[in-house]
Amino acid sequence: MTTDAEQSEGQETSERRRPTVPPVVYVPTTDDPDPATRHVVMHRVEDGRTALYTYSALDRLHDYYLSDSSWVLCDGAALQRIHDDTPYDLLFVDVDPGLQDR
């Protein structure tokens, strides 16, 4: 049996592991000339899971992803719609996927 303090500690630990997603994020898209035909870009990571990279600011998308990347601004509901249409396993915020030559 766990005590209230142990349950509370477990909840805090779980909450610390799950980062908060900003209210809106910039999501890389294909660069089709017509914005209506663009698609969100997904990536397969080394272990085979599908990842969606998102950025909390436009300068971070340009610094971490690709400086000339097309993008769409998404809120939480839009991220859920993306997941419903094209499920992803991982959602990264402000992470460098290693696409730029440095």
Protein backbone atom coordinates (compact mmCIF):
# COMPACT_ATOMS: atom_id res chain seq x y z
CA MET A 1 0.00 0.00 0.00
CA THR A 2 1.27 3.48 -0.86
CA THR A 3 0.90 6.54 1.27
CA ASP A 4 -0.47 9.87 0.07
CA ALA A 5 3.08 11.27 0.17
CA GLU A 6 4.37 8.41 -2.02
CA GLN A 7 1.52 8.87 -4.50
CA SER A 8 2.16 12.61 -4.62
CA GLU A 9 5.88 12.00 -5.17
CA GLY A 10 5.11 9.55 -7.99
CA GLN A 11 2.83 12.08 -9.68
CA GLU A 12 5.47 14.82 -9.43
CA THR A 13 8.09 12.50 -10.93
CA SER A 14 5.73 11.62 -13.80
CA GLU A 15 4.97 15.29 -14.42
CA ARG A 16 8.67 16.18 -14.49
CA ARG A 17 9.32 13.60 -17.19
CA ARG A 18 6.60 14.97 -19.48
CA PRO A 19 7.60 18.41 -20.77
CA THR A 20 4.99 21.04 -21.37
CA VAL A 21 4.23 21.82 -25.01
CA PRO A 22 4.03 25.57 -25.70
CA PRO A 23 0.60 26.98 -26.67
CA VAL A 24 1.70 27.10 -30.32
CA VAL A 25 4.64 25.55 -32.17
CA TYR A 26 6.20 25.89 -35.60
CA VAL A 27 6.11 22.60 -37.51
CA PRO A 28 8.27 21.94 -40.60
CA THR A 29 6.38 21.22 -43.81
CA THR A 30 7.17 20.27 -47.39
CA ASP A 31 7.99 23.26 -49.57
CA ASP A 32 5.24 22.91 -52.20
CA PRO A 33 4.58 26.27 -53.89
CA ASP A 34 0.89 26.11 -52.91
CA PRO A 35 0.64 26.23 -49.09
CA ALA A 36 -2.65 24.29 -49.27
CA THR A 37 -0.81 21.24 -50.63
CA ARG A 38 2.03 21.20 -48.09
CA HIS A 39 2.39 18.29 -45.68
CA VAL A 40 3.93 18.12 -42.23
CA VAL A 41 7.35 16.47 -42.34
CA MET A 42 7.79 13.36 -40.20
CA HIS A 43 11.10 11.64 -39.50
CA ARG A 44 11.97 8.05 -38.68
CA VAL A 45 14.45 7.88 -35.80
CA GLU A 46 17.10 5.19 -35.32
CA ASP A 47 14.84 2.80 -33.40
CA GLY A 48 12.15 2.92 -36.12
CA ARG A 49 9.68 5.22 -34.38
CA THR A 50 8.15 8.19 -36.18
CA ALA A 51 8.99 11.63 -34.82
CA LEU A 52 7.47 15.06 -35.32
CA TYR A 53 9.90 17.91 -34.63
CA THR A 54 8.33 21.17 -33.48
CA TYR A 55 9.76 24.52 -32.43
CA SER A 56 8.59 27.10 -29.92
CA ALA A 57 9.92 30.02 -31.97
CA LEU A 58 10.69 30.60 -35.63
CA ASP A 59 14.36 31.35 -34.94
CA ARG A 60 14.68 27.96 -33.21
CA LEU A 61 13.20 26.19 -36.23
CA HIS A 62 15.77 27.97 -38.41
CA ASP A 63 18.65 27.32 -35.99
CA TYR A 64 17.89 23.67 -35.13
CA TYR A 65 16.03 22.33 -38.17
CA LEU A 66 16.75 23.96 -41.53
CA SER A 67 17.07 27.70 -42.06
CA ASP A 68 14.97 27.69 -45.23
CA SER A 69 12.29 25.24 -44.07
CA SER A 70 8.63 25.93 -44.80
CA TRP A 71 6.43 25.71 -41.73
CA VAL A 72 2.94 25.85 -40.28
CA LEU A 73 1.96 27.26 -36.90
CA CYS A 74 0.03 24.69 -34.81
CA ASP A 75 -1.77 24.72 -31.50
CA GLY A 76 -2.51 21.61 -29.43
CA ALA A 77 -5.70 20.82 -31.37
CA ALA A 78 -3.82 20.99 -34.68
CA LEU A 79 -1.10 18.67 -33.32
CA GLN A 80 -3.84 16.22 -32.34
CA ARG A 81 -5.36 16.40 -35.84
CA ILE A 82 -1.93 15.74 -37.34
CA HIS A 83 -1.56 12.74 -35.04
CA ASP A 84 -5.04 11.49 -35.97
CA ASP A 85 -4.25 11.78 -39.71
CA THR A 86 -0.64 10.59 -39.59
CA PRO A 87 0.23 9.06 -36.21
CA TYR A 88 3.65 9.82 -34.77
CA ASP A 89 5.34 8.13 -31.82
CA LEU A 90 7.47 11.02 -30.60
CA LEU A 91 6.88 14.75 -30.38
CA PHE A 92 10.06 16.78 -29.98
CA VAL A 93 10.10 20.47 -29.03
CA ASP A 94 13.20 22.55 -29.77
CA VAL A 95 15.41 19.55 -30.59
CA ASP A 96 18.11 19.47 -33.25
CA PRO A 97 17.50 16.43 -35.51
CA GLY A 98 20.97 16.80 -37.03
CA LEU A 99 19.88 17.86 -40.52
CA GLN A 100 22.30 20.77 -40.90
CA ASP A 101 25.96 20.44 -41.80
CA ARG A 102 27.87 21.93 -38.89
